[in-house]
Amino acid sequence: MAPAVRATTAKPASFELALDEMEALLDNMEAGAMPLEQLLTQYQRGAELLKFCRERLETVEAQIKVLDQGALKTWTSD
């Protein structure tokens, strides 16, 4: 049986931690040992993590575009 993944709605501390959590979620979901209700909860958490990762990537992409244009601006990690 796959190890349980703790359900949380907390914002990940970093992009890398969000990826790690998503990988753990996928491993557990693919194992097929979760009850339907827990599967839904984990799917929702995965969607939140995916949104967080996309937003972080978009922020970094915007910063790279600024750097490529030669105009250095302060990077905020909101």
Protein backbone atom coordinates (compact mmCIF):
# COMPACT_ATOMS: atom_id res chain seq x y z
CA MET A 1 0.00 0.00 0.00
CA ALA A 2 1.31 3.49 -0.86
CA PRO A 3 2.29 5.83 1.97
CA ALA A 4 -0.29 8.44 2.89
CA VAL A 5 0.21 11.99 1.69
CA ARG A 6 -0.75 14.63 4.21
CA ALA A 7 -3.56 16.80 2.87
CA THR A 8 -2.74 20.46 3.23
CA THR A 9 -3.81 23.74 1.75
CA ALA A 10 -0.66 25.57 2.81
CA LYS A 11 1.25 27.46 0.16
CA PRO A 12 4.50 25.63 -0.63
CA ALA A 13 7.71 27.26 0.56
CA SER A 14 9.34 26.86 -2.85
CA PHE A 15 8.88 25.65 -6.40
CA GLU A 16 11.04 22.60 -5.67
CA LEU A 17 9.00 21.62 -2.61
CA ALA A 18 5.80 21.97 -4.62
CA LEU A 19 7.21 19.63 -7.29
CA ASP A 20 8.25 17.12 -4.63
CA GLU A 21 4.77 17.17 -3.12
CA MET A 22 3.16 16.77 -6.56
CA GLU A 23 5.37 13.76 -7.28
CA ALA A 24 4.36 12.15 -3.98
CA LEU A 25 0.70 12.82 -4.76
CA LEU A 26 0.99 11.26 -8.19
CA ASP A 27 2.79 8.19 -6.84
CA ASN A 28 -0.01 7.64 -4.33
CA MET A 29 -2.77 8.28 -6.84
CA GLU A 30 -1.21 5.93 -9.40
CA ALA A 31 -0.89 3.19 -6.77
CA GLY A 32 -4.68 2.99 -6.80
CA ALA A 33 -4.98 2.32 -3.08
CA MET A 34 -6.87 5.50 -2.11
CA PRO A 35 -10.55 5.73 -1.34
CA LEU A 36 -12.47 7.91 -3.81
CA GLU A 37 -12.93 10.82 -1.37
CA GLN A 38 -9.20 10.95 -0.59
CA LEU A 39 -8.41 10.70 -4.29
CA LEU A 40 -10.55 13.77 -4.95
CA THR A 41 -8.87 15.69 -2.12
CA GLN A 42 -5.42 14.79 -3.43
CA TYR A 43 -6.42 15.76 -6.96
CA GLN A 44 -7.55 19.17 -5.70
CA ARG A 45 -4.24 19.64 -3.86
CA GLY A 46 -2.38 18.69 -7.02
CA ALA A 47 -4.31 21.35 -8.94
CA GLU A 48 -3.33 23.95 -6.30
CA LEU A 49 0.31 22.91 -6.54
CA LEU A 50 0.21 23.05 -10.33
CA LYS A 51 -1.21 26.58 -10.19
CA PHE A 52 1.53 27.62 -7.74
CA CYS A 53 4.25 26.18 -9.99
CA ARG A 54 2.83 27.83 -13.10
CA GLU A 55 2.71 31.21 -11.35
CA ARG A 56 6.31 30.84 -10.17
CA LEU A 57 7.45 29.89 -13.66
CA GLU A 58 5.62 32.87 -15.17
CA THR A 59 7.30 35.18 -12.64
CA VAL A 60 10.73 33.81 -13.51
CA GLU A 61 9.99 34.00 -17.23
CA ALA A 62 8.99 37.66 -16.87
CA GLN A 63 12.21 38.39 -14.97
CA ILE A 64 14.29 36.70 -17.67
CA LYS A 65 12.57 38.80 -20.34
CA VAL A 66 13.50 41.93 -18.38
CA LEU A 67 17.10 40.78 -18.08
CA ASP A 68 17.23 39.91 -21.78
CA GLN A 69 16.13 43.44 -22.62
CA GLY A 70 19.01 44.83 -20.58
CA ALA A 71 16.78 46.60 -18.07
CA LEU A 72 17.51 45.26 -14.61
CA LYS A 73 14.64 45.57 -12.17
CA THR A 74 14.21 44.40 -8.63
CA TRP A 75 12.73 40.93 -8.47
CA THR A 76 10.01 40.48 -5.88
CA SER A 77 9.05 36.95 -4.89
CA ASP A 78 5.39 37.59 -3.97
